Amino acid sequence: MLYIRETIIVEGNRDQQAVLQAVAALVFKTRGLNGLRADLTGWAPFAAHGGLVILTDPDGPGDRLRTKITAAYPTALQAQLPTKACRGPRGRLGIQFADPAAIRKALLAAGCRCRPAPPADTLSELIQAGFGGGPTGARNRQALTDALGLPQATAPQLAAYLNALDLTPAQALSYIHPNN
C-alpha cells in the first residue's frame, strides 16, 4: 500500500472510497459549497502539518470547489485526473470511476509525498485511555478534538487524525492533561 503524507480532499463518499482503494491517507470529503466554510476550518491542522492535496471531479462543480479551497489554502497541492480516466456509465464524470492506478499517478504527479505506515495500535491505545464508546469516551474525544482544533470524531476517526498528525495517543493526551 502507498501511504501518502498529505491529507486528500475529495467531493463525496464514493470519491473517498475510490481514493482509499488506491492509497492509504487521511481523506476528507467536502459537504459541497454550502458546507465548505466549516470544512475549511476543520482542515487547518492537517494543512499546517502535512499539507493538503485537492482531488475534485474534472467538471464545473469540482472546479468551483477547487477554487474556493485553493483560496483558503493557497499552498494545497492540485491533483487532477484527465476526464477520460474518470468517465463512468452514461457519460458521468467522477473520481469514483477512476482506476486506483490512475488515482495514485495523479497524486504522485501533484507532488504528494510518501510516508511510512502509521502505527497500527493507535485506536486500541485511545480506547484503553478512555476515548472509546459511551458518554465518557465522547466527552474525552470532544475535549481532545477541541484542544487540537480538529473536527469532531469517532474513536477510529480520531486515531486516523492522530496518525495523520504524527501524534501518539500519549502526546495527544498531553494537550488535555498537560501535567501527566
N, C-alpha and C. Protein backbone atom coordinates (compact mmCIF):
# COMPACT_ATOMS: atom_id res chain seq x y z
N MET A 1 0.85 -1.19 0.00
CA MET A 1 0.00 0.00 0.00
C MET A 1 0.89 1.24 0.00
N LEU A 2 0.47 2.24 -0.71
CA LEU A 2 1.18 3.51 -0.80
C LEU A 2 0.60 4.45 0.25
N TYR A 3 1.42 4.87 1.22
CA TYR A 3 0.99 5.77 2.28
C TYR A 3 1.34 7.20 1.88
N ILE A 4 0.36 8.08 1.92
CA ILE A 4 0.52 9.47 1.50
C ILE A 4 0.53 10.39 2.73
N ARG A 5 1.49 11.31 2.79
CA ARG A 5 1.59 12.24 3.92
C ARG A 5 0.49 13.30 3.91
N GLU A 6 0.17 13.83 2.75
CA GLU A 6 -0.83 14.89 2.67
C GLU A 6 -2.23 14.36 2.96
N THR A 7 -3.07 15.25 3.44
CA THR A 7 -4.48 14.95 3.62
C THR A 7 -5.16 15.25 2.29
N ILE A 8 -5.97 14.32 1.82
CA ILE A 8 -6.59 14.44 0.50
C ILE A 8 -8.02 14.93 0.66
N ILE A 9 -8.38 15.92 -0.15
CA ILE A 9 -9.73 16.49 -0.13
C ILE A 9 -10.45 16.06 -1.40
N VAL A 10 -11.60 15.42 -1.25
CA VAL A 10 -12.43 14.98 -2.38
C VAL A 10 -13.85 15.50 -2.19
N GLU A 11 -14.70 15.23 -3.18
CA GLU A 11 -16.06 15.79 -3.14
C GLU A 11 -17.06 14.96 -2.36
N GLY A 12 -17.03 13.64 -2.44
CA GLY A 12 -18.10 12.86 -1.83
C GLY A 12 -17.67 11.50 -1.35
N ASN A 13 -18.66 10.75 -0.84
CA ASN A 13 -18.41 9.43 -0.26
C ASN A 13 -17.75 8.47 -1.24
N ARG A 14 -18.29 8.38 -2.44
CA ARG A 14 -17.74 7.42 -3.41
C ARG A 14 -16.35 7.82 -3.87
N ASP A 15 -16.09 9.12 -3.96
CA ASP A 15 -14.74 9.58 -4.28
C ASP A 15 -13.78 9.17 -3.16
N GLN A 16 -14.22 9.35 -1.92
CA GLN A 16 -13.40 8.99 -0.77
C GLN A 16 -13.08 7.49 -0.80
N GLN A 17 -14.06 6.66 -1.08
CA GLN A 17 -13.85 5.22 -1.15
C GLN A 17 -12.87 4.85 -2.26
N ALA A 18 -12.99 5.50 -3.41
CA ALA A 18 -12.09 5.21 -4.53
C ALA A 18 -10.66 5.57 -4.18
N VAL A 19 -10.46 6.70 -3.52
CA VAL A 19 -9.11 7.12 -3.15
C VAL A 19 -8.53 6.14 -2.12
N LEU A 20 -9.36 5.72 -1.17
CA LEU A 20 -8.86 4.79 -0.14
C LEU A 20 -8.57 3.40 -0.69
N GLN A 21 -9.11 3.06 -1.86
CA GLN A 21 -8.74 1.82 -2.52
C GLN A 21 -7.38 1.96 -3.21
N ALA A 22 -7.00 3.20 -3.51
CA ALA A 22 -5.76 3.45 -4.24
C ALA A 22 -4.57 3.71 -3.31
N VAL A 23 -4.81 4.43 -2.21
CA VAL A 23 -3.73 4.82 -1.30
C VAL A 23 -4.22 4.78 0.14
N ALA A 24 -3.28 4.79 1.05
CA ALA A 24 -3.60 4.94 2.47
C ALA A 24 -3.28 6.38 2.84
N ALA A 25 -4.29 7.10 3.26
CA ALA A 25 -4.14 8.51 3.62
C ALA A 25 -5.37 8.94 4.40
N LEU A 26 -5.27 10.11 5.01
CA LEU A 26 -6.46 10.71 5.59
C LEU A 26 -7.18 11.41 4.44
N VAL A 27 -8.44 11.07 4.24
CA VAL A 27 -9.22 11.62 3.12
C VAL A 27 -10.48 12.26 3.70
N PHE A 28 -10.64 13.56 3.43
CA PHE A 28 -11.85 14.27 3.83
C PHE A 28 -12.70 14.52 2.60
N LYS A 29 -14.00 14.46 2.80
CA LYS A 29 -14.93 14.81 1.73
C LYS A 29 -15.58 16.14 2.09
N THR A 30 -15.84 16.95 1.08
CA THR A 30 -16.49 18.23 1.32
C THR A 30 -17.97 18.00 1.55
N ARG A 31 -18.60 19.01 2.08
CA ARG A 31 -20.05 18.99 2.21
C ARG A 31 -20.66 19.91 1.16
N GLY A 32 -19.96 20.05 0.05
CA GLY A 32 -20.43 20.91 -1.03
C GLY A 32 -20.11 22.37 -0.74
N LEU A 33 -20.48 23.22 -1.64
CA LEU A 33 -20.19 24.65 -1.50
C LEU A 33 -20.86 25.26 -0.28
N ASN A 34 -22.06 24.77 0.07
CA ASN A 34 -22.78 25.35 1.21
C ASN A 34 -22.12 25.02 2.55
N GLY A 35 -21.50 23.87 2.68
CA GLY A 35 -20.87 23.48 3.94
C GLY A 35 -19.38 23.69 3.96
N LEU A 36 -18.85 24.35 2.96
CA LEU A 36 -17.40 24.44 2.81
C LEU A 36 -16.74 25.26 3.91
N ARG A 37 -17.39 26.28 4.41
CA ARG A 37 -16.77 27.13 5.43
C ARG A 37 -16.37 26.30 6.66
N ALA A 38 -17.27 25.44 7.14
CA ALA A 38 -16.96 24.59 8.29
C ALA A 38 -15.88 23.59 7.95
N ASP A 39 -15.92 23.05 6.73
CA ASP A 39 -14.88 22.11 6.30
C ASP A 39 -13.51 22.76 6.33
N LEU A 40 -13.41 23.97 5.79
CA LEU A 40 -12.12 24.66 5.70
C LEU A 40 -11.49 24.85 7.07
N THR A 41 -12.29 25.19 8.05
CA THR A 41 -11.78 25.38 9.41
C THR A 41 -11.24 24.08 9.97
N GLY A 42 -11.96 22.99 9.77
CA GLY A 42 -11.55 21.70 10.31
C GLY A 42 -10.29 21.13 9.68
N TRP A 43 -9.96 21.57 8.48
CA TRP A 43 -8.78 21.04 7.79
C TRP A 43 -7.49 21.76 8.17
N ALA A 44 -7.58 22.88 8.88
CA ALA A 44 -6.40 23.69 9.17
C ALA A 44 -5.25 22.93 9.84
N PRO A 45 -5.50 22.12 10.87
CA PRO A 45 -4.37 21.41 11.49
C PRO A 45 -3.65 20.46 10.52
N PHE A 46 -4.40 19.86 9.61
CA PHE A 46 -3.81 18.92 8.66
C PHE A 46 -3.03 19.67 7.58
N ALA A 47 -3.55 20.83 7.18
CA ALA A 47 -2.85 21.67 6.20
C ALA A 47 -1.52 22.15 6.79
N ALA A 48 -1.54 22.52 8.06
CA ALA A 48 -0.32 23.02 8.71
C ALA A 48 0.70 21.91 8.93
N HIS A 49 0.25 20.70 9.15
CA HIS A 49 1.20 19.62 9.45
C HIS A 49 1.75 18.94 8.20
N GLY A 50 0.91 18.29 7.46
CA GLY A 50 1.40 17.51 6.31
C GLY A 50 1.03 18.10 4.97
N GLY A 51 0.11 19.07 5.00
CA GLY A 51 -0.34 19.68 3.76
C GLY A 51 -1.61 19.04 3.25
N LEU A 52 -2.23 19.71 2.30
CA LEU A 52 -3.46 19.22 1.68
C LEU A 52 -3.21 18.99 0.20
N VAL A 53 -3.96 18.07 -0.37
CA VAL A 53 -4.00 17.89 -1.82
C VAL A 53 -5.47 17.82 -2.22
N ILE A 54 -5.82 18.60 -3.22
CA ILE A 54 -7.21 18.68 -3.67
C ILE A 54 -7.37 17.79 -4.89
N LEU A 55 -8.34 16.89 -4.83
CA LEU A 55 -8.63 15.98 -5.93
C LEU A 55 -10.14 16.00 -6.16
N THR A 56 -10.58 16.90 -7.04
CA THR A 56 -12.01 17.02 -7.31
C THR A 56 -12.30 16.55 -8.73
N ASP A 57 -13.57 16.32 -9.00
CA ASP A 57 -14.00 15.88 -10.32
C ASP A 57 -13.65 16.94 -11.37
N PRO A 58 -13.33 16.50 -12.59
CA PRO A 58 -13.00 17.45 -13.65
C PRO A 58 -14.26 18.01 -14.32
N ASP A 59 -15.06 18.72 -13.52
CA ASP A 59 -16.29 19.31 -14.04
C ASP A 59 -16.50 20.65 -13.35
N GLY A 60 -17.59 21.33 -13.68
CA GLY A 60 -17.86 22.65 -13.13
C GLY A 60 -17.92 22.70 -11.62
N PRO A 61 -18.74 21.84 -10.97
CA PRO A 61 -18.79 21.86 -9.50
C PRO A 61 -17.43 21.54 -8.87
N GLY A 62 -16.70 20.60 -9.46
CA GLY A 62 -15.37 20.28 -8.94
C GLY A 62 -14.42 21.45 -9.06
N ASP A 63 -14.49 22.17 -10.17
CA ASP A 63 -13.64 23.35 -10.36
C ASP A 63 -13.98 24.45 -9.36
N ARG A 64 -15.28 24.66 -9.10
CA ARG A 64 -15.68 25.69 -8.14
C ARG A 64 -15.20 25.34 -6.73
N LEU A 65 -15.33 24.08 -6.35
CA LEU A 65 -14.81 23.66 -5.03
C LEU A 65 -13.31 23.84 -4.96
N ARG A 66 -12.61 23.43 -5.99
CA ARG A 66 -11.15 23.56 -6.04
C ARG A 66 -10.74 25.02 -5.87
N THR A 67 -11.44 25.92 -6.56
CA THR A 67 -11.12 27.34 -6.49
C THR A 67 -11.30 27.88 -5.07
N LYS A 68 -12.41 27.52 -4.43
CA LYS A 68 -12.68 28.00 -3.06
C LYS A 68 -11.68 27.42 -2.06
N ILE A 69 -11.35 26.14 -2.19
CA ILE A 69 -10.40 25.52 -1.27
C ILE A 69 -9.02 26.13 -1.47
N THR A 70 -8.64 26.33 -2.72
CA THR A 70 -7.33 26.91 -3.01
C THR A 70 -7.23 28.34 -2.49
N ALA A 71 -8.33 29.09 -2.53
CA ALA A 71 -8.31 30.45 -1.99
C ALA A 71 -8.00 30.43 -0.49
N ALA A 72 -8.53 29.43 0.22
CA ALA A 72 -8.28 29.32 1.66
C ALA A 72 -6.91 28.70 1.96
N TYR A 73 -6.47 27.79 1.10
CA TYR A 73 -5.20 27.09 1.30
C TYR A 73 -4.38 27.18 0.01
N PRO A 74 -3.74 28.32 -0.22
CA PRO A 74 -3.03 28.52 -1.49
C PRO A 74 -1.87 27.54 -1.73
N THR A 75 -1.35 26.94 -0.67
CA THR A 75 -0.23 26.01 -0.85
C THR A 75 -0.70 24.57 -1.07
N ALA A 76 -2.02 24.34 -1.09
CA ALA A 76 -2.54 22.99 -1.31
C ALA A 76 -2.09 22.48 -2.67
N LEU A 77 -1.70 21.23 -2.70
CA LEU A 77 -1.33 20.60 -3.97
C LEU A 77 -2.59 20.37 -4.81
N GLN A 78 -2.42 20.34 -6.11
CA GLN A 78 -3.54 20.19 -7.04
C GLN A 78 -3.38 18.89 -7.81
N ALA A 79 -4.14 17.88 -7.44
CA ALA A 79 -4.13 16.61 -8.18
C ALA A 79 -5.30 16.61 -9.13
N GLN A 80 -5.05 16.24 -10.37
CA GLN A 80 -6.13 16.24 -11.35
C GLN A 80 -6.06 14.97 -12.19
N LEU A 81 -7.21 14.42 -12.42
CA LEU A 81 -7.33 13.27 -13.29
C LEU A 81 -7.86 13.74 -14.64
N PRO A 82 -7.33 13.20 -15.73
CA PRO A 82 -7.92 13.55 -17.02
C PRO A 82 -9.35 13.04 -17.11
N THR A 83 -10.16 13.74 -17.86
CA THR A 83 -11.58 13.38 -18.00
C THR A 83 -11.76 11.93 -18.39
N LYS A 84 -10.95 11.45 -19.33
CA LYS A 84 -11.13 10.07 -19.78
C LYS A 84 -10.81 9.05 -18.69
N ALA A 85 -10.02 9.42 -17.68
CA ALA A 85 -9.68 8.49 -16.60
C ALA A 85 -10.79 8.34 -15.59
N CYS A 86 -11.74 9.28 -15.59
CA CYS A 86 -12.81 9.19 -14.59
C CYS A 86 -14.20 9.31 -15.23
N ARG A 87 -14.31 8.76 -16.41
CA ARG A 87 -15.60 8.73 -17.10
C ARG A 87 -16.31 7.45 -16.71
N GLY A 88 -17.54 7.59 -16.25
CA GLY A 88 -18.31 6.44 -15.80
C GLY A 88 -19.44 6.11 -16.74
N PRO A 89 -20.38 5.31 -16.26
CA PRO A 89 -21.53 4.92 -17.07
C PRO A 89 -22.37 6.14 -17.49
N ARG A 90 -22.94 6.03 -18.64
CA ARG A 90 -23.81 7.08 -19.20
C ARG A 90 -23.10 8.43 -19.27
N GLY A 91 -21.77 8.41 -19.41
CA GLY A 91 -21.01 9.64 -19.59
C GLY A 91 -20.76 10.44 -18.33
N ARG A 92 -21.15 9.90 -17.18
CA ARG A 92 -20.95 10.63 -15.92
C ARG A 92 -19.46 10.76 -15.62
N LEU A 93 -19.10 11.85 -14.93
CA LEU A 93 -17.73 12.09 -14.52
C LEU A 93 -17.61 11.96 -13.01
N GLY A 94 -16.50 11.41 -12.56
CA GLY A 94 -16.27 11.36 -11.12
C GLY A 94 -15.02 10.58 -10.77
N ILE A 95 -14.37 11.02 -9.72
CA ILE A 95 -13.20 10.33 -9.21
C ILE A 95 -13.56 8.88 -8.89
N GLN A 96 -14.80 8.65 -8.47
CA GLN A 96 -15.22 7.30 -8.09
C GLN A 96 -15.12 6.30 -9.23
N PHE A 97 -15.05 6.78 -10.47
CA PHE A 97 -14.96 5.88 -11.62
C PHE A 97 -13.52 5.60 -12.03
N ALA A 98 -12.56 6.28 -11.42
CA ALA A 98 -11.16 6.16 -11.83
C ALA A 98 -10.53 4.87 -11.29
N ASP A 99 -9.61 4.36 -12.05
CA ASP A 99 -8.83 3.20 -11.66
C ASP A 99 -7.87 3.60 -10.53
N PRO A 100 -7.64 2.73 -9.54
CA PRO A 100 -6.71 3.08 -8.46
C PRO A 100 -5.32 3.50 -8.96
N ALA A 101 -4.84 2.88 -10.01
CA ALA A 101 -3.51 3.26 -10.54
C ALA A 101 -3.53 4.69 -11.07
N ALA A 102 -4.64 5.10 -11.69
CA ALA A 102 -4.74 6.48 -12.19
C ALA A 102 -4.78 7.48 -11.03
N ILE A 103 -5.45 7.10 -9.95
CA ILE A 103 -5.50 7.97 -8.77
C ILE A 103 -4.11 8.11 -8.17
N ARG A 104 -3.41 7.01 -8.00
CA ARG A 104 -2.04 7.07 -7.46
C ARG A 104 -1.15 7.94 -8.35
N LYS A 105 -1.25 7.75 -9.65
CA LYS A 105 -0.43 8.53 -10.59
C LYS A 105 -0.72 10.03 -10.46
N ALA A 106 -1.99 10.40 -10.36
CA ALA A 106 -2.37 11.82 -10.23
C ALA A 106 -1.84 12.41 -8.92
N LEU A 107 -1.95 11.66 -7.83
CA LEU A 107 -1.47 12.16 -6.54
C LEU A 107 0.04 12.35 -6.53
N LEU A 108 0.76 11.39 -7.07
CA LEU A 108 2.22 11.50 -7.12
C LEU A 108 2.66 12.61 -8.07
N ALA A 109 1.96 12.76 -9.19
CA ALA A 109 2.29 13.83 -10.14
C ALA A 109 2.04 15.20 -9.52
N ALA A 110 1.11 15.31 -8.59
CA ALA A 110 0.82 16.58 -7.92
C ALA A 110 1.89 16.94 -6.90
N GLY A 111 2.73 15.97 -6.55
CA GLY A 111 3.79 16.23 -5.58
C GLY A 111 3.57 15.63 -4.21
N CYS A 112 2.59 14.74 -4.09
CA CYS A 112 2.36 14.08 -2.80
C CYS A 112 3.61 13.31 -2.39
N ARG A 113 3.83 13.31 -1.08
CA ARG A 113 4.98 12.61 -0.51
C ARG A 113 4.55 11.30 0.13
N CYS A 114 5.37 10.30 -0.03
CA CYS A 114 5.11 9.02 0.61
C CYS A 114 5.58 9.10 2.05
N ARG A 115 4.98 8.29 2.89
CA ARG A 115 5.35 8.24 4.30
C ARG A 115 5.36 6.79 4.75
N PRO A 116 6.02 6.51 5.86
CA PRO A 116 5.95 5.15 6.39
C PRO A 116 4.56 4.85 6.93
N ALA A 117 4.26 3.59 7.07
CA ALA A 117 2.97 3.18 7.62
C ALA A 117 2.84 3.72 9.04
N PRO A 118 1.67 4.26 9.39
CA PRO A 118 1.48 4.75 10.76
C PRO A 118 1.35 3.58 11.72
N PRO A 119 1.48 3.84 13.02
CA PRO A 119 1.33 2.76 13.99
C PRO A 119 -0.06 2.13 13.90
N ALA A 120 -0.10 0.83 14.07
CA ALA A 120 -1.37 0.11 13.96
C ALA A 120 -2.14 0.08 15.27
N ASP A 121 -1.52 0.48 16.37
CA ASP A 121 -2.16 0.34 17.68
C ASP A 121 -2.75 1.63 18.22
N THR A 122 -2.82 2.69 17.42
CA THR A 122 -3.33 3.97 17.90
C THR A 122 -4.76 3.85 18.42
N LEU A 123 -5.62 3.18 17.68
CA LEU A 123 -7.01 3.05 18.10
C LEU A 123 -7.11 2.29 19.42
N SER A 124 -6.41 1.19 19.56
CA SER A 124 -6.51 0.43 20.81
C SER A 124 -5.96 1.24 21.98
N GLU A 125 -4.93 2.03 21.76
CA GLU A 125 -4.40 2.89 22.83
C GLU A 125 -5.43 3.95 23.23
N LEU A 126 -6.12 4.52 22.25
CA LEU A 126 -7.15 5.51 22.56
C LEU A 126 -8.29 4.89 23.36
N ILE A 127 -8.71 3.70 22.97
CA ILE A 127 -9.81 3.03 23.67
C ILE A 127 -9.39 2.72 25.11
N GLN A 128 -8.16 2.23 25.28
CA GLN A 128 -7.66 1.94 26.63
C GLN A 128 -7.57 3.19 27.49
N ALA A 129 -7.33 4.35 26.85
CA ALA A 129 -7.20 5.60 27.58
C ALA A 129 -8.55 6.27 27.82
N GLY A 130 -9.67 5.61 27.44
CA GLY A 130 -10.98 6.15 27.72
C GLY A 130 -11.58 7.00 26.61
N PHE A 131 -11.13 6.80 25.37
CA PHE A 131 -11.64 7.57 24.24
C PHE A 131 -12.50 6.73 23.31
N GLY A 132 -12.98 5.59 23.81
CA GLY A 132 -13.82 4.70 23.01
C GLY A 132 -15.27 5.14 23.05
N GLY A 133 -16.17 4.19 23.22
CA GLY A 133 -17.60 4.48 23.17
C GLY A 133 -18.14 5.00 24.49
N GLY A 134 -19.43 5.25 24.47
CA GLY A 134 -20.12 5.71 25.66
C GLY A 134 -19.96 7.20 25.90
N PRO A 135 -20.70 7.71 26.88
CA PRO A 135 -20.68 9.15 27.15
C PRO A 135 -19.30 9.67 27.58
N THR A 136 -18.58 8.88 28.37
CA THR A 136 -17.25 9.31 28.81
C THR A 136 -16.29 9.40 27.62
N GLY A 137 -16.32 8.40 26.77
CA GLY A 137 -15.46 8.43 25.58
C GLY A 137 -15.79 9.60 24.68
N ALA A 138 -17.08 9.89 24.52
CA ALA A 138 -17.49 11.02 23.68
C ALA A 138 -17.00 12.34 24.27
N ARG A 139 -17.12 12.51 25.59
CA ARG A 139 -16.62 13.74 26.24
C ARG A 139 -15.11 13.86 26.09
N ASN A 140 -14.41 12.74 26.28
CA ASN A 140 -12.94 12.77 26.14
C ASN A 140 -12.52 13.11 24.71
N ARG A 141 -13.20 12.50 23.74
CA ARG A 141 -12.88 12.80 22.33
C ARG A 141 -13.15 14.26 22.02
N GLN A 142 -14.28 14.78 22.53
CA GLN A 142 -14.61 16.18 22.28
C GLN A 142 -13.56 17.10 22.88
N ALA A 143 -13.12 16.79 24.10
CA ALA A 143 -12.09 17.61 24.75
C ALA A 143 -10.79 17.60 23.94
N LEU A 144 -10.43 16.42 23.45
CA LEU A 144 -9.18 16.32 22.69
C LEU A 144 -9.29 17.00 21.33
N THR A 145 -10.40 16.79 20.62
CA THR A 145 -10.53 17.45 19.31
C THR A 145 -10.59 18.97 19.49
N ASP A 146 -11.25 19.44 20.54
CA ASP A 146 -11.28 20.88 20.80
C ASP A 146 -9.87 21.41 21.09
N ALA A 147 -9.12 20.68 21.91
CA ALA A 147 -7.76 21.12 22.27
C ALA A 147 -6.84 21.16 21.06
N LEU A 148 -7.03 20.23 20.12
CA LEU A 148 -6.16 20.17 18.95
C LEU A 148 -6.72 20.93 17.74
N GLY A 149 -7.95 21.46 17.87
CA GLY A 149 -8.57 22.17 16.75
C GLY A 149 -9.00 21.26 15.62
N LEU A 150 -9.40 20.04 15.97
CA LEU A 150 -9.78 19.04 14.97
C LEU A 150 -11.30 18.94 14.86
N PRO A 151 -11.78 18.41 13.74
CA PRO A 151 -13.22 18.16 13.63
C PRO A 151 -13.65 17.10 14.63
N GLN A 152 -14.94 17.10 14.99
CA GLN A 152 -15.46 16.05 15.87
C GLN A 152 -15.14 14.69 15.26
N ALA A 153 -14.95 13.69 16.13
CA ALA A 153 -14.50 12.40 15.61
C ALA A 153 -15.00 11.24 16.45
N THR A 154 -15.22 10.13 15.78
CA THR A 154 -15.40 8.85 16.46
C THR A 154 -14.00 8.38 16.87
N ALA A 155 -13.93 7.34 17.65
CA ALA A 155 -12.62 6.83 18.05
C ALA A 155 -11.76 6.43 16.84
N PRO A 156 -12.30 5.69 15.85
CA PRO A 156 -11.46 5.37 14.69
C PRO A 156 -11.03 6.61 13.90
N GLN A 157 -11.92 7.60 13.79
CA GLN A 157 -11.54 8.83 13.09
C GLN A 157 -10.45 9.56 13.85
N LEU A 158 -10.58 9.62 15.17
CA LEU A 158 -9.57 10.29 15.99
C LEU A 158 -8.22 9.60 15.85
N ALA A 159 -8.22 8.27 15.81
CA ALA A 159 -6.96 7.54 15.60
C ALA A 159 -6.34 7.92 14.25
N ALA A 160 -7.17 8.02 13.21
CA ALA A 160 -6.67 8.42 11.89
C ALA A 160 -6.13 9.85 11.92
N TYR A 161 -6.82 10.75 12.62
CA TYR A 161 -6.35 12.13 12.73
C TYR A 161 -4.98 12.18 13.40
N LEU A 162 -4.85 11.46 14.52
CA LEU A 162 -3.57 11.47 15.23
C LEU A 162 -2.46 10.90 14.37
N ASN A 163 -2.75 9.82 13.65
CA ASN A 163 -1.74 9.25 12.76
C ASN A 163 -1.34 10.24 11.67
N ALA A 164 -2.31 10.96 11.12
CA ALA A 164 -2.00 11.95 10.07
C ALA A 164 -1.16 13.09 10.62
N LEU A 165 -1.34 13.41 11.90
CA LEU A 165 -0.58 14.50 12.53
C LEU A 165 0.71 13.99 13.19
N ASP A 166 0.99 12.71 13.03
CA ASP A 166 2.18 12.09 13.63
C ASP A 166 2.22 12.28 15.14
N LEU A 167 1.06 12.17 15.77
CA LEU A 167 0.96 12.26 17.23
C LEU A 167 0.63 10.89 17.81
N THR A 168 1.34 10.50 18.81
CA THR A 168 0.97 9.29 19.53
C THR A 168 -0.18 9.65 20.46
N PRO A 169 -0.95 8.67 20.90
CA PRO A 169 -2.01 8.99 21.87
C PRO A 169 -1.46 9.68 23.12
N ALA A 170 -0.31 9.25 23.60
CA ALA A 170 0.28 9.89 24.79
C ALA A 170 0.59 11.36 24.53
N GLN A 171 1.14 11.68 23.37
CA GLN A 171 1.42 13.08 23.03
C GLN A 171 0.12 13.87 22.95
N ALA A 172 -0.90 13.29 22.31
CA ALA A 172 -2.17 13.97 22.16
C ALA A 172 -2.82 14.23 23.51
N LEU A 173 -2.73 13.25 24.40
CA LEU A 173 -3.33 13.40 25.73
C LEU A 173 -2.69 14.53 26.52
N SER A 174 -1.45 14.84 26.23
CA SER A 174 -0.78 15.92 26.95
C SER A 174 -1.43 17.28 26.65
N TYR A 175 -2.21 17.37 25.58
CA TYR A 175 -2.91 18.61 25.27
C TYR A 175 -4.10 18.85 26.20
N ILE A 176 -4.67 17.77 26.76
CA ILE A 176 -5.79 17.96 27.67
C ILE A 176 -5.41 17.63 29.12
N HIS A 177 -4.28 16.97 29.31
CA HIS A 177 -3.75 16.67 30.63
C HIS A 177 -2.28 17.07 30.65
N PRO A 178 -1.98 18.38 30.65
CA PRO A 178 -0.59 18.83 30.48
C PRO A 178 0.36 18.42 31.60
N ASN A 179 -0.14 18.04 32.77
CA ASN A 179 0.75 17.70 33.89
C ASN A 179 1.08 16.22 33.95
N ASN A 180 0.56 15.41 33.03
CA ASN A 180 0.82 13.96 33.07
C ASN A 180 2.06 13.63 32.31
